[in-house]
Amino acid sequence: MIRPLLYLVLAAAIANSPGACEKSGTSQSAAAGSSAASSGGEWTSLGATACAKYFTPEINAALLPGPGTPKTRSAKSCTVEAAGGNIQLSLASENMASFNAGAKFLPDTVPLPGVGDRALQDAVGITAYKAPDRVCTIMLVGNDGFFKQSGAQLGQTLGAVCNKLFATNP
């Protein structure tokens, strides 16, 4: 009973985490806002196919106990589904102030160096920011012990996926 409740709390925290909202901060000029929104839309459109492209068979074998199948969830997100769990990736466009504000609500985070301009790892995955407005969130859903990696090793594996996405120009 405790585990499902914990997952619900974590899911709510992730839903309100950096990257969950499309765009925050309205203090930009109209021209800057228009430009950021257009580049943000291009950036987030990578999310639909990112799992098929960046969760390679080698990465899936390092993370999952069996084969994984990439699927599109929305225009901004995808999943790698496996028997007993999945990896969820979503992309968002928001500024650093918005990212930092949302990060305050993530439980038990630790810094994840070497990923974007700022990245945090928590109990269920990572969320990372790259200037000027790119946010990459990867969440793992499965029972304890389902995923082969944990801790810093897991953070680096997931961080490498976000870094590859950050380096992509749509």
N, C-alpha and C. Protein backbone atom coordinates (compact mmCIF):
# COMPACT_ATOMS: atom_id res chain seq x y z
N MET A 1 0.82 -1.20 0.00
CA MET A 1 0.00 0.00 0.00
C MET A 1 0.86 1.25 0.00
N ILE A 2 1.97 1.23 0.71
CA ILE A 2 2.83 2.40 0.79
C ILE A 2 3.47 2.69 -0.57
N ARG A 3 3.93 1.64 -1.27
CA ARG A 3 4.60 1.84 -2.56
C ARG A 3 3.69 2.54 -3.57
N PRO A 4 2.43 2.09 -3.80
CA PRO A 4 1.58 2.81 -4.75
C PRO A 4 1.36 4.26 -4.35
N LEU A 5 1.23 4.52 -3.05
CA LEU A 5 1.05 5.89 -2.58
C LEU A 5 2.30 6.71 -2.88
N LEU A 6 3.48 6.12 -2.66
CA LEU A 6 4.73 6.81 -2.97
C LEU A 6 4.80 7.14 -4.45
N TYR A 7 4.42 6.18 -5.31
CA TYR A 7 4.45 6.43 -6.75
C TYR A 7 3.49 7.55 -7.15
N LEU A 8 2.33 7.61 -6.52
CA LEU A 8 1.39 8.69 -6.81
C LEU A 8 1.96 10.04 -6.42
N VAL A 9 2.61 10.10 -5.25
CA VAL A 9 3.22 11.35 -4.80
C VAL A 9 4.34 11.75 -5.75
N LEU A 10 5.17 10.79 -6.14
CA LEU A 10 6.26 11.09 -7.07
C LEU A 10 5.72 11.52 -8.44
N ALA A 11 4.68 10.86 -8.90
CA ALA A 11 4.09 11.25 -10.18
C ALA A 11 3.55 12.67 -10.12
N ALA A 12 2.93 13.04 -9.01
CA ALA A 12 2.44 14.41 -8.86
C ALA A 12 3.59 15.39 -8.84
N ALA A 13 4.68 15.03 -8.17
CA ALA A 13 5.85 15.91 -8.13
C ALA A 13 6.44 16.07 -9.52
N ILE A 14 6.53 14.98 -10.28
CA ILE A 14 7.08 15.06 -11.63
C ILE A 14 6.16 15.89 -12.52
N ALA A 15 4.86 15.73 -12.36
CA ALA A 15 3.92 16.50 -13.18
C ALA A 15 4.09 18.00 -12.94
N ASN A 16 4.53 18.37 -11.75
CA ASN A 16 4.75 19.77 -11.44
C ASN A 16 6.22 20.16 -11.48
N SER A 17 7.05 19.28 -12.03
CA SER A 17 8.49 19.51 -12.06
C SER A 17 8.88 20.40 -13.23
N PRO A 18 10.14 20.83 -13.25
CA PRO A 18 10.62 21.58 -14.40
C PRO A 18 10.41 20.72 -15.64
N GLY A 19 9.92 21.33 -16.67
CA GLY A 19 9.64 20.61 -17.89
C GLY A 19 8.20 20.19 -18.01
N ALA A 20 7.44 20.22 -16.95
CA ALA A 20 6.04 19.81 -17.01
C ALA A 20 5.17 20.91 -17.60
N CYS A 21 5.57 22.14 -17.45
CA CYS A 21 4.82 23.26 -17.99
C CYS A 21 5.47 23.70 -19.29
N GLU A 22 4.70 24.22 -20.19
CA GLU A 22 5.22 24.58 -21.49
C GLU A 22 6.17 25.76 -21.45
N LYS A 23 5.77 26.89 -20.95
CA LYS A 23 6.61 28.09 -20.97
C LYS A 23 6.20 28.98 -19.83
N SER A 24 7.15 29.47 -19.07
CA SER A 24 6.87 30.35 -17.96
C SER A 24 7.62 31.64 -18.14
N GLY A 25 7.26 32.62 -17.35
CA GLY A 25 7.98 33.89 -17.38
C GLY A 25 7.48 34.75 -18.52
N THR A 26 6.73 35.77 -18.21
CA THR A 26 6.17 36.61 -19.26
C THR A 26 6.86 37.95 -19.32
N SER A 27 8.05 38.06 -18.72
CA SER A 27 8.73 39.36 -18.72
C SER A 27 9.55 39.58 -19.98
N GLN A 28 9.49 38.67 -20.94
CA GLN A 28 10.23 38.85 -22.17
C GLN A 28 9.50 39.84 -23.07
N SER A 29 10.27 40.45 -23.96
CA SER A 29 9.64 41.33 -24.94
C SER A 29 8.83 40.48 -25.91
N ALA A 30 7.93 41.10 -26.63
CA ALA A 30 7.09 40.35 -27.57
C ALA A 30 7.95 39.66 -28.62
N ALA A 31 8.97 40.33 -29.14
CA ALA A 31 9.82 39.73 -30.15
C ALA A 31 10.60 38.55 -29.58
N ALA A 32 11.16 38.71 -28.40
CA ALA A 32 11.92 37.63 -27.79
C ALA A 32 11.00 36.46 -27.46
N GLY A 33 9.82 36.73 -26.97
CA GLY A 33 8.86 35.68 -26.64
C GLY A 33 8.46 34.89 -27.88
N SER A 34 8.25 35.58 -28.98
CA SER A 34 7.87 34.93 -30.22
C SER A 34 9.00 34.03 -30.71
N SER A 35 10.23 34.52 -30.66
CA SER A 35 11.37 33.73 -31.10
C SER A 35 11.57 32.52 -30.21
N ALA A 36 11.47 32.70 -28.90
CA ALA A 36 11.66 31.60 -27.97
C ALA A 36 10.56 30.56 -28.14
N ALA A 37 9.34 31.00 -28.33
CA ALA A 37 8.24 30.06 -28.49
C ALA A 37 8.43 29.23 -29.75
N SER A 38 8.90 29.86 -30.84
CA SER A 38 9.07 29.12 -32.07
C SER A 38 10.21 28.13 -31.95
N SER A 39 11.35 28.51 -31.34
CA SER A 39 12.44 27.56 -31.18
C SER A 39 12.07 26.50 -30.16
N GLY A 40 11.27 26.86 -29.14
CA GLY A 40 10.83 25.90 -28.15
C GLY A 40 9.97 24.82 -28.76
N GLY A 41 9.09 25.21 -29.69
CA GLY A 41 8.24 24.24 -30.37
C GLY A 41 9.06 23.25 -31.19
N GLU A 42 10.10 23.75 -31.84
CA GLU A 42 10.97 22.86 -32.61
C GLU A 42 11.71 21.91 -31.68
N TRP A 43 12.22 22.45 -30.57
CA TRP A 43 12.94 21.63 -29.59
C TRP A 43 12.05 20.53 -29.04
N THR A 44 10.86 20.89 -28.58
CA THR A 44 10.00 19.91 -27.94
C THR A 44 9.50 18.86 -28.93
N SER A 45 9.47 19.19 -30.22
CA SER A 45 9.01 18.22 -31.21
C SER A 45 9.95 17.02 -31.33
N LEU A 46 11.17 17.15 -30.82
CA LEU A 46 12.10 16.02 -30.81
C LEU A 46 11.64 14.92 -29.85
N GLY A 47 10.79 15.28 -28.88
CA GLY A 47 10.36 14.33 -27.86
C GLY A 47 9.59 13.14 -28.39
N ALA A 48 8.84 13.33 -29.46
CA ALA A 48 8.00 12.25 -29.98
C ALA A 48 8.82 11.05 -30.44
N THR A 49 9.99 11.29 -31.01
CA THR A 49 10.80 10.20 -31.58
C THR A 49 12.11 9.98 -30.83
N ALA A 50 12.33 10.69 -29.74
CA ALA A 50 13.61 10.61 -29.02
C ALA A 50 13.90 9.21 -28.48
N CYS A 51 12.89 8.50 -28.01
CA CYS A 51 13.13 7.18 -27.43
C CYS A 51 13.65 6.21 -28.49
N ALA A 52 13.06 6.25 -29.69
CA ALA A 52 13.51 5.37 -30.75
C ALA A 52 14.93 5.72 -31.20
N LYS A 53 15.28 6.99 -31.15
CA LYS A 53 16.58 7.42 -31.64
C LYS A 53 17.68 7.33 -30.59
N TYR A 54 17.40 7.72 -29.36
CA TYR A 54 18.46 7.86 -28.35
C TYR A 54 18.52 6.72 -27.34
N PHE A 55 17.45 5.97 -27.16
CA PHE A 55 17.52 4.79 -26.31
C PHE A 55 17.86 3.61 -27.22
N THR A 56 19.13 3.53 -27.53
CA THR A 56 19.65 2.51 -28.44
C THR A 56 19.56 1.13 -27.78
N PRO A 57 19.72 0.07 -28.56
CA PRO A 57 19.72 -1.27 -27.95
C PRO A 57 20.78 -1.40 -26.84
N GLU A 58 21.92 -0.73 -26.99
CA GLU A 58 22.97 -0.79 -25.98
C GLU A 58 22.52 -0.11 -24.68
N ILE A 59 21.89 1.04 -24.81
CA ILE A 59 21.41 1.76 -23.61
C ILE A 59 20.27 0.98 -22.97
N ASN A 60 19.35 0.48 -23.77
CA ASN A 60 18.25 -0.32 -23.21
C ASN A 60 18.78 -1.55 -22.49
N ALA A 61 19.80 -2.22 -23.05
CA ALA A 61 20.37 -3.42 -22.41
C ALA A 61 21.05 -3.05 -21.09
N ALA A 62 21.61 -1.83 -21.01
CA ALA A 62 22.25 -1.40 -19.77
C ALA A 62 21.23 -1.05 -18.69
N LEU A 63 20.02 -0.68 -19.09
CA LEU A 63 19.01 -0.23 -18.13
C LEU A 63 17.94 -1.27 -17.82
N LEU A 64 17.51 -2.00 -18.82
CA LEU A 64 16.33 -2.87 -18.69
C LEU A 64 16.70 -4.34 -18.58
N PRO A 65 15.91 -5.13 -17.85
CA PRO A 65 16.19 -6.56 -17.73
C PRO A 65 15.82 -7.35 -18.99
N GLY A 66 15.09 -6.74 -19.88
CA GLY A 66 14.68 -7.40 -21.13
C GLY A 66 14.55 -6.36 -22.22
N PRO A 67 14.05 -6.75 -23.38
CA PRO A 67 13.93 -5.80 -24.48
C PRO A 67 12.92 -4.69 -24.18
N GLY A 68 13.15 -3.54 -24.78
CA GLY A 68 12.25 -2.40 -24.63
C GLY A 68 11.74 -1.95 -25.99
N THR A 69 10.52 -1.47 -26.01
CA THR A 69 9.91 -1.01 -27.25
C THR A 69 9.62 0.48 -27.16
N PRO A 70 10.25 1.30 -28.03
CA PRO A 70 9.98 2.74 -28.00
C PRO A 70 8.62 3.07 -28.60
N LYS A 71 7.91 3.99 -27.95
CA LYS A 71 6.60 4.43 -28.44
C LYS A 71 6.46 5.93 -28.22
N THR A 72 5.76 6.58 -29.13
CA THR A 72 5.44 7.99 -28.98
C THR A 72 4.28 8.13 -28.02
N ARG A 73 4.40 9.06 -27.05
CA ARG A 73 3.31 9.35 -26.11
C ARG A 73 2.55 10.59 -26.55
N SER A 74 3.29 11.61 -27.00
CA SER A 74 2.70 12.86 -27.48
C SER A 74 3.72 13.53 -28.39
N ALA A 75 3.40 14.73 -28.85
CA ALA A 75 4.33 15.46 -29.71
C ALA A 75 5.62 15.82 -28.97
N LYS A 76 5.58 15.80 -27.63
CA LYS A 76 6.73 16.22 -26.83
C LYS A 76 7.32 15.10 -25.99
N SER A 77 6.76 13.89 -26.07
CA SER A 77 7.23 12.83 -25.16
C SER A 77 7.12 11.45 -25.78
N CYS A 78 7.89 10.54 -25.19
CA CYS A 78 7.89 9.15 -25.65
C CYS A 78 8.18 8.25 -24.46
N THR A 79 8.10 6.96 -24.71
CA THR A 79 8.37 5.97 -23.67
C THR A 79 9.08 4.77 -24.29
N VAL A 80 9.86 4.10 -23.47
CA VAL A 80 10.40 2.79 -23.83
C VAL A 80 9.71 1.82 -22.89
N GLU A 81 8.87 0.96 -23.46
CA GLU A 81 8.07 0.05 -22.64
C GLU A 81 8.72 -1.32 -22.60
N ALA A 82 8.73 -1.89 -21.41
CA ALA A 82 9.26 -3.24 -21.20
C ALA A 82 8.30 -3.95 -20.24
N ALA A 83 8.36 -5.26 -20.24
CA ALA A 83 7.52 -6.03 -19.33
C ALA A 83 7.92 -5.70 -17.89
N GLY A 84 7.03 -5.02 -17.17
CA GLY A 84 7.29 -4.70 -15.77
C GLY A 84 7.71 -3.28 -15.49
N GLY A 85 7.92 -2.46 -16.51
CA GLY A 85 8.32 -1.08 -16.27
C GLY A 85 8.51 -0.31 -17.56
N ASN A 86 8.82 0.98 -17.43
CA ASN A 86 9.08 1.78 -18.62
C ASN A 86 9.95 2.99 -18.29
N ILE A 87 10.49 3.57 -19.33
CA ILE A 87 11.28 4.79 -19.26
C ILE A 87 10.47 5.86 -19.99
N GLN A 88 10.22 6.98 -19.33
CA GLN A 88 9.43 8.06 -19.94
C GLN A 88 10.32 9.28 -20.13
N LEU A 89 10.31 9.83 -21.33
CA LEU A 89 11.08 11.02 -21.65
C LEU A 89 10.14 12.11 -22.11
N SER A 90 10.33 13.33 -21.60
CA SER A 90 9.55 14.46 -22.08
C SER A 90 10.46 15.68 -22.23
N LEU A 91 10.15 16.51 -23.21
CA LEU A 91 10.90 17.73 -23.47
C LEU A 91 9.98 18.93 -23.28
N ALA A 92 10.55 20.00 -22.76
CA ALA A 92 9.79 21.22 -22.55
C ALA A 92 10.67 22.41 -22.88
N SER A 93 10.02 23.54 -23.05
CA SER A 93 10.71 24.79 -23.31
C SER A 93 10.36 25.76 -22.20
N GLU A 94 11.36 26.11 -21.38
CA GLU A 94 11.14 27.08 -20.31
C GLU A 94 12.48 27.72 -19.94
N ASN A 95 12.42 28.87 -19.29
CA ASN A 95 13.64 29.58 -18.93
C ASN A 95 14.22 29.04 -17.62
N MET A 96 15.43 29.50 -17.29
CA MET A 96 16.13 29.01 -16.10
C MET A 96 15.36 29.33 -14.82
N ALA A 97 14.76 30.51 -14.73
CA ALA A 97 14.01 30.88 -13.52
C ALA A 97 12.85 29.91 -13.29
N SER A 98 12.16 29.54 -14.34
CA SER A 98 11.06 28.59 -14.23
C SER A 98 11.57 27.21 -13.83
N PHE A 99 12.66 26.79 -14.44
CA PHE A 99 13.26 25.50 -14.09
C PHE A 99 13.62 25.47 -12.61
N ASN A 100 14.30 26.50 -12.15
CA ASN A 100 14.71 26.56 -10.74
C ASN A 100 13.52 26.58 -9.79
N ALA A 101 12.47 27.30 -10.18
CA ALA A 101 11.27 27.36 -9.34
C ALA A 101 10.64 25.98 -9.21
N GLY A 102 10.54 25.25 -10.30
CA GLY A 102 9.97 23.91 -10.27
C GLY A 102 10.85 22.91 -9.54
N ALA A 103 12.16 23.10 -9.63
CA ALA A 103 13.11 22.18 -9.00
C ALA A 103 12.95 22.16 -7.48
N LYS A 104 12.45 23.25 -6.92
CA LYS A 104 12.26 23.32 -5.47
C LYS A 104 11.26 22.27 -4.98
N PHE A 105 10.39 21.80 -5.86
CA PHE A 105 9.33 20.87 -5.47
C PHE A 105 9.69 19.41 -5.73
N LEU A 106 10.85 19.16 -6.30
CA LEU A 106 11.27 17.78 -6.52
C LEU A 106 11.84 17.22 -5.22
N PRO A 107 11.42 16.02 -4.83
CA PRO A 107 11.89 15.46 -3.56
C PRO A 107 13.30 14.85 -3.68
N ASP A 108 14.10 15.06 -2.67
CA ASP A 108 15.40 14.39 -2.52
C ASP A 108 16.27 14.44 -3.77
N THR A 109 16.51 15.63 -4.28
CA THR A 109 17.34 15.76 -5.47
C THR A 109 18.81 15.88 -5.10
N VAL A 110 19.65 15.45 -6.04
CA VAL A 110 21.09 15.66 -5.93
C VAL A 110 21.54 16.24 -7.27
N PRO A 111 22.54 17.14 -7.25
CA PRO A 111 23.05 17.69 -8.50
C PRO A 111 23.61 16.57 -9.38
N LEU A 112 23.47 16.76 -10.67
CA LEU A 112 23.99 15.80 -11.64
C LEU A 112 24.96 16.55 -12.56
N PRO A 113 26.24 16.58 -12.19
CA PRO A 113 27.21 17.35 -12.97
C PRO A 113 27.44 16.79 -14.36
N GLY A 114 27.77 17.69 -15.30
CA GLY A 114 28.09 17.28 -16.66
C GLY A 114 26.90 17.09 -17.56
N VAL A 115 25.71 17.44 -17.08
CA VAL A 115 24.50 17.29 -17.89
C VAL A 115 23.88 18.67 -18.07
N GLY A 116 23.82 19.15 -19.30
CA GLY A 116 23.26 20.47 -19.57
C GLY A 116 23.95 21.55 -18.75
N ASP A 117 23.23 22.64 -18.49
CA ASP A 117 23.73 23.72 -17.65
C ASP A 117 23.40 23.47 -16.18
N ARG A 118 22.34 22.73 -15.93
CA ARG A 118 21.96 22.35 -14.56
C ARG A 118 21.10 21.10 -14.66
N ALA A 119 21.41 20.12 -13.85
CA ALA A 119 20.62 18.88 -13.85
C ALA A 119 20.50 18.36 -12.43
N LEU A 120 19.38 17.72 -12.18
CA LEU A 120 19.10 17.14 -10.87
C LEU A 120 18.64 15.70 -11.05
N GLN A 121 19.09 14.85 -10.15
CA GLN A 121 18.64 13.47 -10.13
C GLN A 121 17.80 13.27 -8.89
N ASP A 122 16.71 12.53 -9.03
CA ASP A 122 15.87 12.20 -7.87
C ASP A 122 15.61 10.71 -7.87
N ALA A 123 14.70 10.27 -7.05
CA ALA A 123 14.45 8.84 -6.87
C ALA A 123 13.94 8.15 -8.12
N VAL A 124 13.34 8.88 -9.04
CA VAL A 124 12.74 8.24 -10.22
C VAL A 124 13.33 8.69 -11.54
N GLY A 125 14.38 9.49 -11.55
CA GLY A 125 14.98 9.89 -12.81
C GLY A 125 15.75 11.19 -12.71
N ILE A 126 15.78 11.91 -13.83
CA ILE A 126 16.51 13.18 -13.88
C ILE A 126 15.68 14.24 -14.58
N THR A 127 16.03 15.48 -14.31
CA THR A 127 15.51 16.61 -15.07
C THR A 127 16.68 17.55 -15.28
N ALA A 128 16.83 18.04 -16.52
CA ALA A 128 18.01 18.82 -16.88
C ALA A 128 17.61 20.05 -17.69
N TYR A 129 18.40 21.10 -17.55
CA TYR A 129 18.16 22.37 -18.24
C TYR A 129 19.39 22.74 -19.06
N LYS A 130 19.16 23.26 -20.27
CA LYS A 130 20.21 23.79 -21.13
C LYS A 130 19.72 25.11 -21.71
N ALA A 131 20.52 26.16 -21.52
CA ALA A 131 20.16 27.49 -22.01
C ALA A 131 20.02 27.47 -23.53
N PRO A 132 19.11 28.26 -24.09
CA PRO A 132 18.34 29.26 -23.38
C PRO A 132 17.01 28.75 -22.83
N ASP A 133 16.49 27.61 -23.35
CA ASP A 133 15.13 27.23 -22.94
C ASP A 133 14.81 25.74 -23.12
N ARG A 134 15.80 24.88 -22.93
CA ARG A 134 15.58 23.45 -23.15
C ARG A 134 15.55 22.68 -21.84
N VAL A 135 14.51 21.87 -21.65
CA VAL A 135 14.39 21.03 -20.47
C VAL A 135 14.13 19.59 -20.93
N CYS A 136 14.89 18.68 -20.36
CA CYS A 136 14.78 17.25 -20.66
C CYS A 136 14.50 16.53 -19.35
N THR A 137 13.40 15.78 -19.29
CA THR A 137 13.05 15.02 -18.10
C THR A 137 12.91 13.56 -18.48
N ILE A 138 13.60 12.69 -17.73
CA ILE A 138 13.49 11.25 -17.95
C ILE A 138 13.10 10.62 -16.62
N MET A 139 12.01 9.87 -16.65
CA MET A 139 11.48 9.24 -15.44
C MET A 139 11.41 7.73 -15.64
N LEU A 140 11.82 6.98 -14.62
CA LEU A 140 11.76 5.53 -14.65
C LEU A 140 10.56 5.06 -13.83
N VAL A 141 9.78 4.16 -14.39
CA VAL A 141 8.61 3.62 -13.70
C VAL A 141 8.75 2.10 -13.65
N GLY A 142 8.89 1.57 -12.45
CA GLY A 142 9.02 0.13 -12.26
C GLY A 142 9.24 -0.17 -10.79
N ASN A 143 9.09 -1.41 -10.42
CA ASN A 143 9.31 -1.81 -9.03
C ASN A 143 10.77 -1.68 -8.66
N ASP A 144 11.04 -1.62 -7.35
CA ASP A 144 12.42 -1.58 -6.87
C ASP A 144 13.20 -2.74 -7.47
N GLY A 145 14.39 -2.45 -7.96
CA GLY A 145 15.25 -3.48 -8.53
C GLY A 145 14.96 -3.82 -9.98
N PHE A 146 13.92 -3.22 -10.58
CA PHE A 146 13.59 -3.53 -11.97
C PHE A 146 14.69 -3.07 -12.91
N PHE A 147 15.19 -1.86 -12.70
CA PHE A 147 16.22 -1.30 -13.59
C PHE A 147 17.59 -1.79 -13.15
N LYS A 148 18.45 -2.06 -14.12
CA LYS A 148 19.77 -2.61 -13.84
C LYS A 148 20.70 -1.60 -13.18
N GLN A 149 20.51 -0.32 -13.46
CA GLN A 149 21.39 0.71 -12.92
C GLN A 149 20.67 1.51 -11.84
N SER A 150 21.46 2.14 -10.98
CA SER A 150 20.92 3.04 -9.97
C SER A 150 22.00 4.06 -9.63
N GLY A 151 21.63 5.02 -8.79
CA GLY A 151 22.59 6.01 -8.30
C GLY A 151 23.28 6.80 -9.39
N ALA A 152 24.55 7.10 -9.17
CA ALA A 152 25.32 7.95 -10.08
C ALA A 152 25.43 7.33 -11.48
N GLN A 153 25.57 6.01 -11.55
CA GLN A 153 25.68 5.36 -12.85
C GLN A 153 24.41 5.59 -13.68
N LEU A 154 23.26 5.44 -13.04
CA LEU A 154 21.99 5.69 -13.73
C LEU A 154 21.90 7.14 -14.17
N GLY A 155 22.27 8.07 -13.28
CA GLY A 155 22.23 9.49 -13.63
C GLY A 155 23.08 9.81 -14.84
N GLN A 156 24.25 9.21 -14.92
CA GLN A 156 25.13 9.47 -16.06
C GLN A 156 24.57 8.88 -17.36
N THR A 157 23.97 7.70 -17.27
CA THR A 157 23.38 7.08 -18.46
C THR A 157 22.21 7.92 -18.98
N LEU A 158 21.32 8.32 -18.09
CA LEU A 158 20.18 9.14 -18.51
C LEU A 158 20.65 10.53 -18.93
N GLY A 159 21.64 11.07 -18.22
CA GLY A 159 22.19 12.39 -18.56
C GLY A 159 22.80 12.41 -19.95
N ALA A 160 23.43 11.31 -20.35
CA ALA A 160 24.01 11.23 -21.70
C ALA A 160 22.92 11.35 -22.77
N VAL A 161 21.74 10.77 -22.49
CA VAL A 161 20.62 10.89 -23.43
C VAL A 161 20.19 12.35 -23.54
N CYS A 162 20.03 13.03 -22.40
CA CYS A 162 19.64 14.45 -22.43
C CYS A 162 20.71 15.29 -23.13
N ASN A 163 21.99 15.01 -22.87
CA ASN A 163 23.06 15.78 -23.53
C ASN A 163 23.02 15.60 -25.04
N LYS A 164 22.73 14.41 -25.52
CA LYS A 164 22.61 14.19 -26.97
C LYS A 164 21.44 15.00 -27.52
N LEU A 165 20.35 15.02 -26.80
CA LEU A 165 19.20 15.82 -27.24
C LEU A 165 19.54 17.31 -27.22
N PHE A 166 20.23 17.78 -26.16
CA PHE A 166 20.61 19.19 -26.09
C PHE A 166 21.50 19.59 -27.27
N ALA A 167 22.31 18.67 -27.76
CA ALA A 167 23.23 18.96 -28.86
C ALA A 167 22.53 18.95 -30.22
N THR A 168 21.30 18.47 -30.26
CA THR A 168 20.54 18.39 -31.51
C THR A 168 19.87 19.71 -31.81
N ASN A 169 19.97 20.15 -33.04
CA ASN A 169 19.27 21.37 -33.48
C ASN A 169 18.19 20.98 -34.45
N PRO A 170 16.93 21.13 -34.04
CA PRO A 170 15.82 20.72 -34.92
C PRO A 170 15.72 21.62 -36.15
